[in-house]
N, C-alpha and C. Protein backbone atom coordinates (compact mmCIF):
# COMPACT_ATOMS: atom_id res chain seq x y z
N MET A 1 6.90 -9.17 7.44
CA MET A 1 6.20 -9.85 6.40
C MET A 1 5.72 -8.83 5.38
N GLU A 2 5.77 -9.19 4.08
CA GLU A 2 5.39 -8.26 3.02
C GLU A 2 4.50 -8.93 1.98
N LEU A 3 3.68 -8.09 1.35
CA LEU A 3 2.96 -8.45 0.13
C LEU A 3 3.28 -7.39 -0.90
N HIS A 4 3.31 -7.79 -2.17
CA HIS A 4 3.54 -6.86 -3.26
C HIS A 4 2.34 -6.94 -4.20
N ILE A 5 1.71 -5.79 -4.44
CA ILE A 5 0.54 -5.72 -5.31
C ILE A 5 1.00 -5.10 -6.62
N LYS A 6 0.76 -5.81 -7.71
CA LYS A 6 1.16 -5.32 -9.03
C LYS A 6 -0.07 -5.24 -9.93
N GLN A 7 -0.35 -4.05 -10.43
CA GLN A 7 -1.50 -3.83 -11.30
C GLN A 7 -1.23 -4.49 -12.65
N ARG A 8 -2.27 -5.14 -13.18
CA ARG A 8 -2.18 -5.67 -14.54
C ARG A 8 -2.38 -4.50 -15.49
N VAL A 9 -1.39 -4.23 -16.30
CA VAL A 9 -1.41 -3.04 -17.15
C VAL A 9 -2.44 -3.15 -18.26
N PHE A 10 -2.52 -4.28 -18.93
CA PHE A 10 -3.43 -4.44 -20.06
C PHE A 10 -4.67 -5.21 -19.62
N SER A 11 -5.55 -4.53 -18.88
CA SER A 11 -6.77 -5.15 -18.37
C SER A 11 -7.91 -4.15 -18.50
N TRP A 12 -9.11 -4.65 -18.79
CA TRP A 12 -10.27 -3.79 -18.93
C TRP A 12 -10.83 -3.33 -17.59
N THR A 13 -10.52 -4.04 -16.52
CA THR A 13 -11.03 -3.70 -15.19
C THR A 13 -9.86 -3.58 -14.22
N ASP A 14 -10.17 -3.13 -13.00
CA ASP A 14 -9.14 -3.12 -11.96
C ASP A 14 -8.78 -4.57 -11.67
N SER A 15 -7.54 -4.92 -11.91
CA SER A 15 -7.10 -6.27 -11.58
C SER A 15 -5.63 -6.21 -11.17
N TYR A 16 -5.30 -7.05 -10.20
CA TYR A 16 -3.97 -7.04 -9.62
C TYR A 16 -3.52 -8.46 -9.35
N ASP A 17 -2.21 -8.65 -9.40
CA ASP A 17 -1.60 -9.88 -8.91
C ASP A 17 -0.92 -9.51 -7.61
N VAL A 18 -1.05 -10.38 -6.62
CA VAL A 18 -0.45 -10.12 -5.31
C VAL A 18 0.55 -11.23 -5.03
N TYR A 19 1.77 -10.83 -4.67
CA TYR A 19 2.87 -11.76 -4.44
C TYR A 19 3.33 -11.68 -2.99
N ASP A 20 3.84 -12.81 -2.48
CA ASP A 20 4.42 -12.79 -1.15
C ASP A 20 5.83 -12.21 -1.24
N GLU A 21 6.52 -12.14 -0.11
CA GLU A 21 7.84 -11.50 -0.10
C GLU A 21 8.89 -12.29 -0.87
N ALA A 22 8.62 -13.57 -1.16
CA ALA A 22 9.54 -14.38 -1.95
C ALA A 22 9.25 -14.25 -3.45
N GLY A 23 8.23 -13.46 -3.80
CA GLY A 23 7.88 -13.27 -5.20
C GLY A 23 6.95 -14.34 -5.77
N MET A 24 6.37 -15.16 -4.90
CA MET A 24 5.45 -16.21 -5.34
C MET A 24 4.02 -15.65 -5.38
N PRO A 25 3.25 -15.97 -6.45
CA PRO A 25 1.86 -15.50 -6.53
C PRO A 25 1.03 -16.02 -5.36
N LYS A 26 0.25 -15.13 -4.74
CA LYS A 26 -0.52 -15.51 -3.56
C LYS A 26 -2.02 -15.23 -3.74
N TYR A 27 -2.37 -14.05 -4.26
CA TYR A 27 -3.76 -13.67 -4.43
C TYR A 27 -3.97 -13.13 -5.85
N ASP A 28 -5.21 -13.28 -6.31
CA ASP A 28 -5.63 -12.74 -7.60
C ASP A 28 -6.80 -11.80 -7.31
N VAL A 29 -6.69 -10.54 -7.73
CA VAL A 29 -7.72 -9.53 -7.45
C VAL A 29 -8.33 -9.11 -8.78
N ARG A 30 -9.66 -9.26 -8.89
CA ARG A 30 -10.35 -8.94 -10.15
C ARG A 30 -11.65 -8.20 -9.88
N ALA A 31 -11.90 -7.18 -10.67
CA ALA A 31 -13.16 -6.43 -10.59
C ALA A 31 -14.13 -6.99 -11.62
N ASP A 32 -15.42 -6.90 -11.29
CA ASP A 32 -16.45 -7.28 -12.25
C ASP A 32 -16.43 -6.30 -13.42
N PHE A 33 -16.57 -6.83 -14.63
CA PHE A 33 -16.56 -5.98 -15.82
C PHE A 33 -17.87 -5.20 -15.94
N PHE A 34 -18.99 -5.88 -15.79
CA PHE A 34 -20.29 -5.24 -15.86
C PHE A 34 -20.91 -5.19 -14.48
N SER A 35 -20.84 -4.03 -13.85
CA SER A 35 -21.47 -3.88 -12.54
C SER A 35 -21.74 -2.40 -12.30
N PHE A 36 -22.69 -2.14 -11.43
CA PHE A 36 -22.94 -0.77 -10.99
C PHE A 36 -22.03 -0.54 -9.78
N GLY A 37 -21.14 0.41 -9.89
CA GLY A 37 -20.17 0.64 -8.83
C GLY A 37 -19.06 -0.40 -8.88
N HIS A 38 -18.09 -0.22 -8.02
CA HIS A 38 -16.96 -1.16 -7.95
C HIS A 38 -17.39 -2.44 -7.25
N GLN A 39 -17.09 -3.58 -7.84
CA GLN A 39 -17.30 -4.90 -7.25
C GLN A 39 -15.99 -5.66 -7.47
N ILE A 40 -15.18 -5.79 -6.44
CA ILE A 40 -13.84 -6.36 -6.58
C ILE A 40 -13.74 -7.62 -5.73
N HIS A 41 -13.20 -8.68 -6.31
CA HIS A 41 -13.12 -9.98 -5.65
C HIS A 41 -11.65 -10.39 -5.49
N VAL A 42 -11.35 -11.03 -4.35
CA VAL A 42 -10.00 -11.51 -4.07
C VAL A 42 -10.05 -13.03 -3.99
N TYR A 43 -9.18 -13.68 -4.77
CA TYR A 43 -9.13 -15.14 -4.85
C TYR A 43 -7.77 -15.65 -4.40
N ASP A 44 -7.78 -16.84 -3.80
CA ASP A 44 -6.55 -17.55 -3.50
C ASP A 44 -5.95 -17.99 -4.82
N LYS A 45 -4.73 -17.63 -5.10
CA LYS A 45 -4.10 -17.93 -6.40
C LYS A 45 -3.95 -19.44 -6.62
N ARG A 46 -3.71 -20.19 -5.55
CA ARG A 46 -3.49 -21.64 -5.69
C ARG A 46 -4.79 -22.40 -5.91
N THR A 47 -5.84 -22.07 -5.14
CA THR A 47 -7.07 -22.86 -5.18
C THR A 47 -8.16 -22.23 -6.05
N GLY A 48 -8.07 -20.93 -6.30
CA GLY A 48 -9.12 -20.24 -7.05
C GLY A 48 -10.32 -19.88 -6.20
N GLU A 49 -10.28 -20.20 -4.92
CA GLU A 49 -11.39 -19.91 -4.01
C GLU A 49 -11.48 -18.42 -3.71
N GLU A 50 -12.71 -17.87 -3.74
CA GLU A 50 -12.90 -16.47 -3.37
C GLU A 50 -12.78 -16.34 -1.86
N LEU A 51 -11.91 -15.42 -1.42
CA LEU A 51 -11.65 -15.22 0.01
C LEU A 51 -12.36 -14.00 0.57
N GLY A 52 -12.63 -13.02 -0.29
CA GLY A 52 -13.27 -11.80 0.16
C GLY A 52 -13.56 -10.88 -1.00
N SER A 53 -14.23 -9.77 -0.70
CA SER A 53 -14.57 -8.83 -1.76
C SER A 53 -14.80 -7.44 -1.18
N VAL A 54 -14.84 -6.48 -2.10
CA VAL A 54 -15.13 -5.09 -1.77
C VAL A 54 -16.26 -4.65 -2.70
N HIS A 55 -17.34 -4.10 -2.12
CA HIS A 55 -18.51 -3.69 -2.90
C HIS A 55 -18.81 -2.24 -2.63
N GLN A 56 -18.94 -1.47 -3.70
CA GLN A 56 -19.35 -0.08 -3.54
C GLN A 56 -20.84 -0.03 -3.27
N LYS A 57 -21.20 0.69 -2.22
CA LYS A 57 -22.62 0.87 -1.90
C LYS A 57 -23.13 2.01 -2.76
N LEU A 58 -24.26 1.76 -3.41
CA LEU A 58 -24.83 2.76 -4.30
C LEU A 58 -25.81 3.65 -3.53
N LEU A 59 -26.16 4.75 -4.15
CA LEU A 59 -27.12 5.70 -3.58
C LEU A 59 -26.66 6.28 -2.24
N THR A 60 -25.37 6.56 -2.16
CA THR A 60 -24.83 7.25 -0.98
C THR A 60 -24.28 8.59 -1.44
N LEU A 61 -24.29 9.56 -0.56
CA LEU A 61 -23.84 10.90 -0.90
C LEU A 61 -22.36 10.91 -1.29
N LEU A 62 -21.54 10.25 -0.51
CA LEU A 62 -20.11 10.14 -0.79
C LEU A 62 -19.76 8.66 -0.96
N PRO A 63 -18.66 8.35 -1.69
CA PRO A 63 -18.31 6.95 -1.93
C PRO A 63 -18.19 6.15 -0.63
N THR A 64 -18.86 4.99 -0.63
CA THR A 64 -18.87 4.09 0.52
C THR A 64 -18.64 2.67 0.03
N PHE A 65 -17.77 1.95 0.71
CA PHE A 65 -17.41 0.59 0.30
C PHE A 65 -17.55 -0.37 1.47
N GLU A 66 -18.13 -1.52 1.17
CA GLU A 66 -18.32 -2.57 2.16
C GLU A 66 -17.28 -3.66 1.92
N LEU A 67 -16.61 -4.09 3.00
CA LEU A 67 -15.64 -5.16 2.94
C LEU A 67 -16.32 -6.44 3.38
N VAL A 68 -16.14 -7.51 2.61
CA VAL A 68 -16.84 -8.77 2.85
C VAL A 68 -15.82 -9.90 2.94
N MET A 69 -15.97 -10.73 3.99
CA MET A 69 -15.16 -11.94 4.15
C MET A 69 -16.10 -13.08 4.52
N ASP A 70 -15.86 -14.24 3.93
CA ASP A 70 -16.70 -15.41 4.19
C ASP A 70 -18.17 -15.12 3.94
N GLY A 71 -18.46 -14.28 2.94
CA GLY A 71 -19.83 -13.99 2.57
C GLY A 71 -20.59 -13.03 3.46
N ARG A 72 -19.91 -12.45 4.45
CA ARG A 72 -20.62 -11.51 5.33
C ARG A 72 -19.83 -10.21 5.49
N PRO A 73 -20.55 -9.09 5.63
CA PRO A 73 -19.87 -7.79 5.78
C PRO A 73 -19.05 -7.76 7.07
N VAL A 74 -17.83 -7.24 6.97
CA VAL A 74 -16.96 -7.14 8.13
C VAL A 74 -16.48 -5.71 8.39
N GLY A 75 -16.76 -4.80 7.45
CA GLY A 75 -16.32 -3.43 7.64
C GLY A 75 -16.81 -2.52 6.54
N VAL A 76 -16.65 -1.22 6.78
CA VAL A 76 -17.07 -0.20 5.83
C VAL A 76 -16.02 0.90 5.80
N ILE A 77 -15.78 1.43 4.61
CA ILE A 77 -14.93 2.62 4.47
C ILE A 77 -15.74 3.67 3.72
N ARG A 78 -15.74 4.90 4.26
CA ARG A 78 -16.51 6.00 3.67
C ARG A 78 -15.58 7.17 3.40
N LYS A 79 -15.76 7.77 2.23
CA LYS A 79 -15.00 8.98 1.93
C LYS A 79 -15.65 10.13 2.70
N ARG A 80 -14.85 10.94 3.35
CA ARG A 80 -15.35 12.13 4.05
C ARG A 80 -15.24 13.32 3.12
N PHE A 81 -16.11 14.30 3.34
CA PHE A 81 -16.07 15.50 2.53
C PHE A 81 -14.91 16.38 2.98
N THR A 82 -13.96 16.62 2.06
CA THR A 82 -12.87 17.55 2.27
C THR A 82 -12.60 18.25 0.95
N LEU A 83 -12.09 19.44 1.00
CA LEU A 83 -11.86 20.20 -0.24
C LEU A 83 -10.56 19.86 -0.95
N PHE A 84 -9.49 19.61 -0.22
CA PHE A 84 -8.19 19.52 -0.86
C PHE A 84 -7.46 18.20 -0.67
N SER A 85 -8.06 17.23 -0.01
CA SER A 85 -7.37 15.96 0.19
C SER A 85 -8.40 14.85 0.36
N ASN A 86 -7.94 13.62 0.23
CA ASN A 86 -8.80 12.48 0.50
C ASN A 86 -8.72 12.13 1.97
N ASN A 87 -9.89 11.89 2.56
CA ASN A 87 -9.96 11.52 3.95
C ASN A 87 -11.07 10.49 4.07
N TYR A 88 -10.82 9.43 4.82
CA TYR A 88 -11.77 8.33 4.91
C TYR A 88 -12.08 7.99 6.35
N GLN A 89 -13.33 7.60 6.57
CA GLN A 89 -13.73 7.04 7.86
C GLN A 89 -13.68 5.52 7.70
N VAL A 90 -12.92 4.86 8.55
CA VAL A 90 -12.75 3.41 8.47
C VAL A 90 -13.43 2.77 9.68
N ASP A 91 -14.45 1.96 9.41
CA ASP A 91 -15.12 1.17 10.45
C ASP A 91 -14.77 -0.29 10.19
N TYR A 92 -13.58 -0.70 10.64
CA TYR A 92 -13.06 -2.02 10.31
C TYR A 92 -11.97 -2.39 11.31
N ARG A 93 -12.22 -3.40 12.10
CA ARG A 93 -11.24 -4.00 13.01
C ARG A 93 -10.62 -3.01 14.00
N ASN A 94 -11.30 -1.90 14.27
CA ASN A 94 -10.76 -0.90 15.18
C ASN A 94 -9.47 -0.28 14.65
N TRP A 95 -9.33 -0.21 13.34
CA TRP A 95 -8.14 0.33 12.69
C TRP A 95 -8.38 1.78 12.28
N ASN A 96 -7.31 2.56 12.27
CA ASN A 96 -7.29 3.93 11.77
C ASN A 96 -6.24 4.01 10.68
N VAL A 97 -6.49 4.87 9.70
CA VAL A 97 -5.55 5.02 8.59
C VAL A 97 -5.00 6.43 8.62
N GLU A 98 -3.65 6.54 8.53
CA GLU A 98 -2.96 7.83 8.60
C GLU A 98 -2.01 7.96 7.43
N GLY A 99 -1.92 9.16 6.85
CA GLY A 99 -0.92 9.40 5.81
C GLY A 99 -1.50 9.91 4.52
N ASP A 100 -0.73 9.79 3.47
CA ASP A 100 -1.06 10.32 2.16
C ASP A 100 -1.67 9.23 1.28
N PHE A 101 -3.01 9.20 1.18
CA PHE A 101 -3.70 8.18 0.40
C PHE A 101 -3.38 8.27 -1.09
N LEU A 102 -3.38 9.48 -1.62
CA LEU A 102 -3.14 9.65 -3.06
C LEU A 102 -1.70 9.34 -3.43
N GLY A 103 -0.77 9.62 -2.55
CA GLY A 103 0.62 9.32 -2.80
C GLY A 103 0.98 7.89 -2.42
N TRP A 104 0.02 7.18 -1.89
CA TRP A 104 0.21 5.79 -1.49
C TRP A 104 1.37 5.63 -0.52
N ASP A 105 1.36 6.44 0.50
CA ASP A 105 2.33 6.31 1.57
C ASP A 105 1.55 6.53 2.86
N TYR A 106 1.02 5.44 3.42
CA TYR A 106 0.22 5.58 4.62
C TYR A 106 0.38 4.38 5.53
N ARG A 107 -0.15 4.52 6.74
CA ARG A 107 -0.04 3.47 7.76
C ARG A 107 -1.41 3.14 8.30
N VAL A 108 -1.58 1.91 8.70
CA VAL A 108 -2.79 1.48 9.37
C VAL A 108 -2.42 1.25 10.83
N MET A 109 -3.17 1.88 11.72
CA MET A 109 -2.86 1.83 13.14
C MET A 109 -4.03 1.22 13.91
N GLN A 110 -3.72 0.56 15.00
CA GLN A 110 -4.72 0.12 15.98
C GLN A 110 -4.26 0.71 17.30
N GLY A 111 -4.91 1.80 17.67
CA GLY A 111 -4.44 2.57 18.82
C GLY A 111 -3.10 3.19 18.46
N SER A 112 -2.08 2.93 19.26
CA SER A 112 -0.74 3.46 18.97
C SER A 112 0.16 2.42 18.31
N THR A 113 -0.39 1.26 17.95
CA THR A 113 0.39 0.18 17.35
C THR A 113 0.19 0.16 15.84
N GLU A 114 1.29 0.11 15.10
CA GLU A 114 1.19 0.02 13.64
C GLU A 114 0.83 -1.40 13.23
N VAL A 115 -0.25 -1.52 12.45
CA VAL A 115 -0.70 -2.81 11.92
C VAL A 115 0.04 -3.11 10.63
N MET A 116 0.13 -2.11 9.75
CA MET A 116 0.86 -2.26 8.49
C MET A 116 1.18 -0.90 7.90
N SER A 117 2.13 -0.90 6.97
CA SER A 117 2.45 0.31 6.21
C SER A 117 2.32 -0.02 4.73
N ILE A 118 1.95 0.99 3.95
CA ILE A 118 1.73 0.84 2.53
C ILE A 118 2.57 1.88 1.81
N SER A 119 3.31 1.45 0.79
CA SER A 119 4.11 2.39 0.01
C SER A 119 4.07 2.00 -1.46
N ARG A 120 4.21 3.00 -2.29
CA ARG A 120 4.20 2.79 -3.74
C ARG A 120 5.63 2.69 -4.23
N GLN A 121 5.88 1.69 -5.10
CA GLN A 121 7.19 1.55 -5.71
C GLN A 121 7.29 2.49 -6.89
N LEU A 122 8.37 3.21 -6.97
CA LEU A 122 8.59 4.11 -8.09
C LEU A 122 9.28 3.35 -9.22
N LEU A 123 9.12 3.83 -10.43
CA LEU A 123 9.77 3.28 -11.62
C LEU A 123 9.43 1.82 -11.86
N ALA A 124 8.17 1.47 -11.72
CA ALA A 124 7.71 0.10 -11.97
C ALA A 124 6.71 0.13 -13.14
N TRP A 125 6.66 -0.96 -13.90
CA TRP A 125 5.70 -1.08 -15.00
C TRP A 125 4.33 -1.34 -14.40
N GLY A 126 3.44 -0.38 -14.48
CA GLY A 126 2.15 -0.50 -13.81
C GLY A 126 2.32 -0.12 -12.35
N ASP A 127 1.22 0.15 -11.69
CA ASP A 127 1.27 0.50 -10.27
C ASP A 127 1.70 -0.71 -9.46
N THR A 128 2.67 -0.51 -8.59
CA THR A 128 3.17 -1.57 -7.72
C THR A 128 3.27 -1.03 -6.30
N TYR A 129 2.71 -1.76 -5.35
CA TYR A 129 2.67 -1.33 -3.95
C TYR A 129 3.24 -2.41 -3.06
N THR A 130 3.85 -1.98 -1.97
CA THR A 130 4.37 -2.90 -0.97
C THR A 130 3.61 -2.69 0.33
N LEU A 131 3.10 -3.79 0.88
CA LEU A 131 2.41 -3.78 2.16
C LEU A 131 3.30 -4.50 3.16
N ARG A 132 3.62 -3.86 4.26
CA ARG A 132 4.46 -4.47 5.31
C ARG A 132 3.61 -4.66 6.56
N PHE A 133 3.57 -5.90 7.04
CA PHE A 133 2.74 -6.28 8.17
C PHE A 133 3.60 -6.61 9.38
N GLN A 134 3.10 -6.24 10.55
CA GLN A 134 3.77 -6.62 11.79
C GLN A 134 3.34 -8.02 12.22
N ASN A 135 2.07 -8.37 11.94
CA ASN A 135 1.50 -9.65 12.38
C ASN A 135 0.93 -10.37 11.15
N PRO A 136 1.36 -11.60 10.86
CA PRO A 136 0.84 -12.32 9.69
C PRO A 136 -0.68 -12.49 9.69
N ALA A 137 -1.32 -12.48 10.85
CA ALA A 137 -2.78 -12.64 10.92
C ALA A 137 -3.51 -11.44 10.30
N ASN A 138 -2.82 -10.32 10.15
CA ASN A 138 -3.44 -9.13 9.56
C ASN A 138 -3.26 -9.05 8.04
N GLU A 139 -2.60 -10.05 7.46
CA GLU A 139 -2.29 -9.99 6.03
C GLU A 139 -3.54 -9.85 5.15
N PHE A 140 -4.45 -10.80 5.22
CA PHE A 140 -5.61 -10.73 4.33
C PHE A 140 -6.56 -9.59 4.70
N PRO A 141 -6.88 -9.37 5.97
CA PRO A 141 -7.72 -8.20 6.29
C PRO A 141 -7.08 -6.89 5.84
N GLY A 142 -5.76 -6.79 5.94
CA GLY A 142 -5.06 -5.59 5.50
C GLY A 142 -5.12 -5.43 3.99
N LEU A 143 -4.95 -6.52 3.26
CA LEU A 143 -5.05 -6.48 1.81
C LEU A 143 -6.43 -6.00 1.38
N LEU A 144 -7.46 -6.51 2.02
CA LEU A 144 -8.83 -6.11 1.70
C LEU A 144 -9.04 -4.61 1.93
N LEU A 145 -8.48 -4.08 3.01
CA LEU A 145 -8.59 -2.65 3.28
C LEU A 145 -7.88 -1.82 2.22
N VAL A 146 -6.69 -2.24 1.81
CA VAL A 146 -5.94 -1.51 0.78
C VAL A 146 -6.70 -1.49 -0.54
N ILE A 147 -7.33 -2.61 -0.89
CA ILE A 147 -8.13 -2.67 -2.12
C ILE A 147 -9.32 -1.72 -2.02
N ALA A 148 -9.95 -1.64 -0.85
CA ALA A 148 -11.08 -0.72 -0.66
C ALA A 148 -10.62 0.73 -0.77
N ILE A 149 -9.47 1.07 -0.20
CA ILE A 149 -8.95 2.43 -0.29
C ILE A 149 -8.62 2.77 -1.74
N ASP A 150 -8.04 1.83 -2.48
CA ASP A 150 -7.74 2.05 -3.89
C ASP A 150 -9.04 2.31 -4.67
N ALA A 151 -10.06 1.52 -4.41
CA ALA A 151 -11.35 1.70 -5.09
C ALA A 151 -11.96 3.06 -4.73
N ALA A 152 -11.85 3.46 -3.47
CA ALA A 152 -12.38 4.76 -3.04
C ALA A 152 -11.60 5.90 -3.70
N ASN A 153 -10.29 5.76 -3.81
CA ASN A 153 -9.48 6.79 -4.49
C ASN A 153 -9.89 6.92 -5.94
N CYS A 154 -10.17 5.79 -6.58
CA CYS A 154 -10.56 5.81 -8.01
C CYS A 154 -11.98 6.29 -8.19
N SER A 155 -12.85 6.09 -7.21
CA SER A 155 -14.27 6.39 -7.38
C SER A 155 -14.54 7.88 -7.55
N HIS A 156 -13.72 8.72 -6.99
CA HIS A 156 -13.99 10.15 -7.15
C HIS A 156 -13.62 10.65 -8.54
N ASP A 157 -12.90 9.81 -9.31
CA ASP A 157 -12.55 10.18 -10.68
C ASP A 157 -13.58 9.69 -11.68
N ASP A 158 -14.50 8.75 -11.25
CA ASP A 158 -15.46 8.15 -12.17
C ASP A 158 -16.50 9.13 -12.60
């Protein structure tokens, strides 16, 4: 199973369209225009209902993001201090993240089992990423994690 995330090129905030493997719109991802820190919301494309969000926690030493589903926090991702690479502590669903975050080629693992893989498409108009899932039940939680990692990658440039 796959999802394709395509960045909206002409947008004032972080916003993405997410498509299923058949190319049908599935999720709409939009950041708040006026907010302190990153506040990103994920909506069902068909119903317009908000399904989850990612909120940057303020007043922390290193970038920290809270993942929210059904109005309640379900996980946290924190940037770790490293000199030459991005490294994150993930407290979410017992998942670990391995690979190259900046190059967008990484895997999400639960123990020794791969939950999903993330890769960046080359030669695409705007940033385009492919998420491959082993289990359809991990689709939305996995999407939320990828959005949080993207926000954390961008936060060190702010």
